[in-house]
C-alpha atoms as a PDB file:
ATOM      1  CA  MET A   1     -25.735   3.461 -37.048  1.00  0.00           C
ATOM      2  CA  ASP A   2     -27.522   5.929 -39.503  1.00  0.00           C
ATOM      3  CA  LYS A   3     -28.105   4.816 -42.912  1.00  0.00           C
ATOM      4  CA  GLU A   4     -27.574   8.547 -43.884  1.00  0.00           C
ATOM      5  CA  LYS A   5     -23.741   8.097 -43.145  1.00  0.00           C
ATOM      6  CA  LEU A   6     -23.635   4.782 -45.268  1.00  0.00           C
ATOM      7  CA  THR A   7     -25.154   6.269 -48.105  1.00  0.00           C
ATOM      8  CA  ARG A   8     -23.762   9.677 -47.947  1.00  0.00           C
ATOM      9  CA  GLY A   9     -27.003  11.344 -48.034  1.00  0.00           C
ATOM     10  CA  GLY A  10     -27.493  10.183 -51.539  1.00  0.00           C
ATOM     11  CA  ALA A  11     -24.907  12.372 -52.744  1.00  0.00           C
ATOM     12  CA  GLY A  12     -23.298   9.950 -54.892  1.00  0.00           C
ATOM     13  CA  PRO A  13     -19.332   9.527 -55.003  1.00  0.00           C
ATOM     14  CA  VAL A  14     -18.040  11.752 -52.306  1.00  0.00           C
ATOM     15  CA  GLY A  15     -14.482  11.410 -50.690  1.00  0.00           C
ATOM     16  CA  LEU A  16     -13.199   9.162 -53.153  1.00  0.00           C
ATOM     17  CA  PRO A  17      -9.596   9.505 -53.875  1.00  0.00           C
ATOM     18  CA  GLN A  18      -8.652  11.863 -56.717  1.00  0.00           C
ATOM     19  CA  GLY A  19      -5.369  12.460 -58.746  1.00  0.00           C
ATOM     20  CA  GLU A  20      -3.994  13.775 -61.902  1.00  0.00           C
ATOM     21  CA  ALA A  21      -3.266  11.642 -65.154  1.00  0.00           C
ATOM     22  CA  ASP A  22      -1.115  12.818 -68.174  1.00  0.00           C
ATOM     23  CA  VAL A  23      -2.352  12.684 -71.546  1.00  0.00           C
ATOM     24  CA  PRO A  24       0.736  12.702 -73.484  1.00  0.00           C
ATOM     25  CA  GLY A  25       1.222  15.687 -75.663  1.00  0.00           C
ATOM     26  CA  ILE A  26      -2.344  17.199 -74.378  1.00  0.00           C
ATOM     27  CA  GLY A  27      -2.068  18.064 -70.727  1.00  0.00           C
ATOM     28  CA  THR A  28      -3.341  16.712 -67.483  1.00  0.00           C
ATOM     29  CA  VAL A  29      -6.987  15.635 -66.471  1.00  0.00           C
ATOM     30  CA  LEU A  30      -8.410  14.991 -62.905  1.00  0.00           C
ATOM     31  CA  VAL A  31      -9.658  11.622 -62.093  1.00  0.00           C
ATOM     32  CA  ARG A  32     -11.363   9.918 -59.325  1.00  0.00           C
ATOM     33  CA  ALA A  33     -11.303   6.220 -57.910  1.00  0.00           C
ATOM     34  CA  MET A  34     -14.508   4.184 -58.748  1.00  0.00           C
ATOM     35  CA  ASN A  35     -16.968   3.481 -56.194  1.00  0.00           C
ATOM     36  CA  ARG A  36     -18.248   0.086 -55.580  1.00  0.00           C
ATOM     37  CA  GLY A  37     -21.099   0.127 -57.774  1.00  0.00           C
ATOM     38  CA  GLU A  38     -18.843   1.396 -60.725  1.00  0.00           C
ATOM     39  CA  LEU A  39     -16.140  -1.147 -59.899  1.00  0.00           C
ATOM     40  CA  LEU A  40     -19.006  -3.931 -60.099  1.00  0.00           C
ATOM     41  CA  MET A  41     -20.467  -2.674 -63.354  1.00  0.00           C
ATOM     42  CA  GLY A  42     -17.115  -1.962 -64.863  1.00  0.00           C
ATOM     43  CA  GLY A  43     -16.385  -5.706 -64.252  1.00  0.00           C
ATOM     44  CA  LYS A  44     -19.329  -7.039 -65.427  1.00  0.00           C
ATOM     45  CA  LEU A  45     -18.662  -5.070 -68.731  1.00  0.00           C
ATOM     46  CA  GLY A  46     -15.182  -6.176 -68.868  1.00  0.00           C
ATOM     47  CA  GLU A  47     -16.030  -9.990 -68.174  1.00  0.00           C
ATOM     48  CA  GLU A  48     -14.469 -12.499 -70.861  1.00  0.00           C
ATOM     49  CA  GLY A  49     -16.557 -12.211 -73.823  1.00  0.00           C
ATOM     50  CA  ARG A  50     -17.771  -8.896 -73.240  1.00  0.00           C
ATOM     51  CA  ASN A  51     -16.535  -5.700 -74.691  1.00  0.00           C
ATOM     52  CA  GLN A  52     -13.195  -3.956 -73.289  1.00  0.00           C
ATOM     53  CA  ALA A  53     -14.123  -0.666 -75.015  1.00  0.00           C
ATOM     54  CA  ALA A  54     -17.473  -0.865 -73.123  1.00  0.00           C
ATOM     55  CA  MET A  55     -15.781  -1.068 -69.886  1.00  0.00           C
ATOM     56  CA  GLU A  56     -13.291   1.656 -70.612  1.00  0.00           C
ATOM     57  CA  ARG A  57     -15.826   4.146 -71.797  1.00  0.00           C
ATOM     58  CA  TYR A  58     -17.969   3.674 -68.565  1.00  0.00           C
ATOM     59  CA  VAL A  59     -15.189   4.106 -66.353  1.00  0.00           C
ATOM     60  CA  LEU A  60     -13.729   7.084 -68.215  1.00  0.00           C
ATOM     61  CA  SER A  61     -17.325   8.716 -68.320  1.00  0.00           C
ATOM     62  CA  SER A  62     -17.965   7.833 -64.536  1.00  0.00           C
ATOM     63  CA  CYS A  63     -14.690   8.767 -63.056  1.00  0.00           C
ATOM     64  CA  MET A  64     -13.314  12.022 -65.221  1.00  0.00           C
ATOM     65  CA  VAL A  65     -13.568  14.901 -62.730  1.00  0.00           C
ATOM     66  CA  ASP A  66     -12.010  17.645 -64.805  1.00  0.00           C
ATOM     67  CA  PRO A  67     -13.204  17.913 -67.701  1.00  0.00           C
ATOM     68  CA  GLU A  68     -16.233  15.652 -66.923  1.00  0.00           C
ATOM     69  CA  MET A  69     -17.036  13.464 -69.712  1.00  0.00           C
ATOM     70  CA  THR A  70     -20.227  12.105 -71.049  1.00  0.00           C
ATOM     71  CA  LEU A  71     -20.269   8.457 -72.957  1.00  0.00           C
ATOM     72  CA  GLU A  72     -20.513  10.303 -76.123  1.00  0.00           C
ATOM     73  CA  ASP A  73     -17.497  12.497 -75.051  1.00  0.00           C
ATOM     74  CA  VAL A  74     -15.446   9.442 -74.287  1.00  0.00           C
ATOM     75  CA  ASP A  75     -16.471   7.836 -77.685  1.00  0.00           C
ATOM     76  CA  ALA A  76     -15.256  11.140 -79.434  1.00  0.00           C
ATOM     77  CA  TRP A  77     -11.864  11.176 -77.569  1.00  0.00           C
ATOM     78  CA  MET A  78     -11.620   7.228 -78.257  1.00  0.00           C
ATOM     79  CA  ALA A  79     -12.187   8.175 -82.201  1.00  0.00           C
ATOM     80  CA  ALA A  80      -9.590  10.719 -82.398  1.00  0.00           C
ATOM     81  CA  ALA A  81      -6.859   9.550 -79.962  1.00  0.00           C
ATOM     82  CA  PRO A  82      -3.635   7.621 -80.641  1.00  0.00           C
ATOM     83  CA  ALA A  83      -3.805   4.155 -79.652  1.00  0.00           C
ATOM     84  CA  MET A  84      -2.305   4.558 -76.253  1.00  0.00           C
ATOM     85  CA  GLU A  85      -3.001   7.855 -75.291  1.00  0.00           C
ATOM     86  CA  ILE A  86      -6.080   7.001 -72.976  1.00  0.00           C
ATOM     87  CA  GLN A  87      -4.076   4.221 -71.153  1.00  0.00           C
ATOM     88  CA  PRO A  88      -2.364   6.399 -68.590  1.00  0.00           C
ATOM     89  CA  VAL A  89      -5.946   7.758 -67.429  1.00  0.00           C
ATOM     90  CA  VAL A  90      -7.222   4.354 -67.017  1.00  0.00           C
ATOM     91  CA  GLN A  91      -4.238   3.189 -64.977  1.00  0.00           C
ATOM     92  CA  LYS A  92      -4.509   6.545 -62.864  1.00  0.00           C
ATOM     93  CA  ILE A  93      -8.136   5.387 -62.225  1.00  0.00           C
ATOM     94  CA  ASN A  94      -7.585   1.951 -61.314  1.00  0.00           C
ATOM     95  CA  GLU A  95      -4.453   2.767 -59.274  1.00  0.00           C
ATOM     96  CA  LEU A  96      -6.800   5.049 -57.133  1.00  0.00           C
ATOM     97  CA  SER A  97      -9.397   2.418 -57.166  1.00  0.00           C
ATOM     98  CA  GLY A  98      -6.849  -0.200 -55.879  1.00  0.00           C
ATOM     99  CA  VAL A  99      -7.380  -2.579 -59.132  1.00  0.00           C
ATOM    100  CA  GLY A 100      -5.331  -3.264 -61.918  1.00  0.00           C
ATOM    101  CA  ARG A 101      -1.690  -4.475 -62.592  1.00  0.00           C
ATOM    102  CA  ASP A 102      -0.333  -3.463 -59.235  1.00  0.00           C
ATOM    103  CA  ALA A 103      -3.244  -4.472 -57.102  1.00  0.00           C
ATOM    104  CA  ALA A 104      -1.407  -7.878 -56.355  1.00  0.00           C
ATOM    105  CA  LYS A 105       1.257  -5.779 -54.776  1.00  0.00           C
ATOM    106  CA  SER A 106      -1.057  -4.252 -51.947  1.00  0.00           C
ATOM    107  CA  ASP A 107      -1.040  -5.119 -48.491  1.00  0.00           C
ATOM    108  CA  LEU A 108      -4.800  -5.566 -48.668  1.00  0.00           C
ATOM    109  CA  HIS A 109      -6.350  -8.968 -47.643  1.00  0.00           C
ATOM    110  CA  GLY A 110      -6.647 -11.454 -50.325  1.00  0.00           C
ATOM    111  CA  ASP A 111      -3.683 -10.122 -52.562  1.00  0.00           C
ATOM    112  CA  GLY A 112      -2.273 -13.671 -52.961  1.00  0.00           C
ATOM    113  CA  ASP A 113       0.292 -13.375 -50.530  1.00  0.00           C
ATOM    114  CA  GLY A 114      -1.428 -16.186 -48.424  1.00  0.00           C
END
């Protein structure tokens, strides 16, 4: 096995599922699934006693494809947005990543079906 195949030649996240998410009253954005490292980091930031906002801003800044968003961009969006405006975007990233509310309904091993 060639390690270049595993690391994708160091190219970063490539070939991950992408999809559009609707931002109510604004339009659609393009997002992608989290890679393994992002999933672990997001989970670490979101552990009990940690900051949910920090987890969301990390995931959004990592997985927004169009438009690309920095942490500062996400902070500005969070400050300007109505309470639930960002939620559909986060839900789409979770859906593409195979995590979140509907993950238990998947056919992946370990989904709680025994």
